[in-house]
Amino acid sequence: MPPPPPLLDDSDQVNRELLEPRVTITRRGGARVSEYRIQGELYMLRVEPDGAPAYYLVDADGDGRLESHMNELDPRILVPSWVIFRF
């Protein structure tokens, strides 16, 4: 397999802009919401409700929807993710 073609501008600044997420933090309905985007595409939300643990919604399959499916039988079910343990 041939190697991928080089980037037109492979400077550290361009590589950083391509790979590092842009984070926007807002307040919505009693929660702090952090939006994570790479190249303008939203791929994850971190929601920190007031007085409750934070949870994450992730676009796991790249279809633009921040949801997970519990099983194939009911794809309408949203499954948020919580941090259970942290070092």
Protein backbone atom coordinates (compact mmCIF):
# COMPACT_ATOMS: atom_id res chain seq x y z
CA MET A 1 0.00 0.00 0.00
CA PRO A 2 1.52 3.37 -0.95
CA PRO A 3 1.95 6.03 1.73
CA PRO A 4 -0.62 8.83 1.86
CA PRO A 5 0.23 12.02 -0.02
CA PRO A 6 1.85 14.74 2.10
CA LEU A 7 -0.16 17.72 3.32
CA LEU A 8 0.35 20.88 1.31
CA ASP A 9 1.38 22.71 4.48
CA ASP A 10 2.75 20.38 7.13
CA SER A 11 3.69 23.06 9.64
CA ASP A 12 3.00 22.43 13.31
CA GLN A 13 0.29 25.13 13.35
CA VAL A 14 -1.66 23.50 10.49
CA ASN A 15 -1.31 20.03 12.00
CA ARG A 16 -2.50 21.33 15.37
CA GLU A 17 -5.55 22.97 13.78
CA LEU A 18 -6.42 19.74 11.96
CA LEU A 19 -6.05 17.43 14.96
CA GLU A 20 -6.90 19.46 18.07
CA PRO A 21 -10.57 19.89 18.96
CA ARG A 22 -12.15 23.31 19.25
CA VAL A 23 -14.15 23.48 22.48
CA THR A 24 -17.10 25.85 22.97
CA ILE A 25 -18.57 26.10 26.48
CA THR A 26 -22.09 27.45 27.04
CA ARG A 27 -24.82 27.31 29.69
CA ARG A 28 -28.12 25.69 28.72
CA GLY A 29 -31.05 25.05 31.04
CA GLY A 30 -29.09 24.69 34.28
CA ALA A 31 -26.17 22.81 32.75
CA ARG A 32 -22.73 23.68 31.44
CA VAL A 33 -22.33 22.23 27.93
CA SER A 34 -18.95 21.76 26.24
CA GLU A 35 -19.07 21.16 22.47
CA TYR A 36 -16.04 19.44 20.92
CA ARG A 37 -15.42 19.93 17.19
CA ILE A 38 -12.68 18.87 14.81
CA GLN A 39 -12.58 20.67 11.45
CA GLY A 40 -15.98 22.16 12.28
CA GLU A 41 -17.70 18.80 12.83
CA LEU A 42 -19.35 18.26 16.23
CA TYR A 43 -18.28 14.87 17.58
CA MET A 44 -18.89 15.06 21.33
CA LEU A 45 -20.83 16.95 24.02
CA ARG A 46 -19.93 17.04 27.69
CA VAL A 47 -22.95 18.02 29.78
CA GLU A 48 -22.43 19.07 33.40
CA PRO A 49 -25.85 19.50 35.06
CA ASP A 50 -25.93 21.65 38.19
CA GLY A 51 -25.66 19.32 41.19
CA ALA A 52 -25.23 16.13 39.13
CA PRO A 53 -22.35 14.19 37.56
CA ALA A 54 -21.22 15.12 34.06
CA TYR A 55 -22.10 12.85 31.14
CA TYR A 56 -21.00 12.61 27.52
CA LEU A 57 -22.82 12.21 24.21
CA VAL A 58 -20.59 11.00 21.39
CA ASP A 59 -21.02 10.61 17.64
CA ALA A 60 -19.53 7.11 17.64
CA ASP A 61 -20.21 6.23 14.00
CA GLY A 62 -19.66 9.63 12.34
CA ASP A 63 -23.24 10.06 11.10
CA GLY A 64 -23.62 13.47 12.78
CA ARG A 65 -26.02 12.26 15.50
CA LEU A 66 -24.88 12.27 19.12
CA GLU A 67 -26.54 9.12 20.30
CA SER A 68 -25.84 5.49 21.02
CA HIS A 69 -28.15 2.54 20.59
CA MET A 70 -28.66 0.01 23.35
CA ASN A 71 -29.47 -2.72 20.85
CA GLU A 72 -30.71 -3.29 17.33
CA LEU A 73 -34.33 -3.72 18.45
CA ASP A 74 -35.01 -0.11 19.49
CA PRO A 75 -32.68 2.40 17.78
CA ARG A 76 -34.59 5.40 19.25
CA ILE A 77 -33.14 4.91 22.74
CA LEU A 78 -30.45 7.45 23.65
CA VAL A 79 -27.74 6.22 25.97
CA PRO A 80 -25.73 8.96 27.69
CA SER A 81 -22.36 8.03 29.20
CA TRP A 82 -21.22 8.93 32.72
CA VAL A 83 -17.72 8.83 34.19
CA ILE A 84 -17.87 5.96 36.68
CA PHE A 85 -14.31 6.01 37.97
CA ARG A 86 -11.50 8.55 37.64
CA PHE A 87 -7.85 8.30 38.80
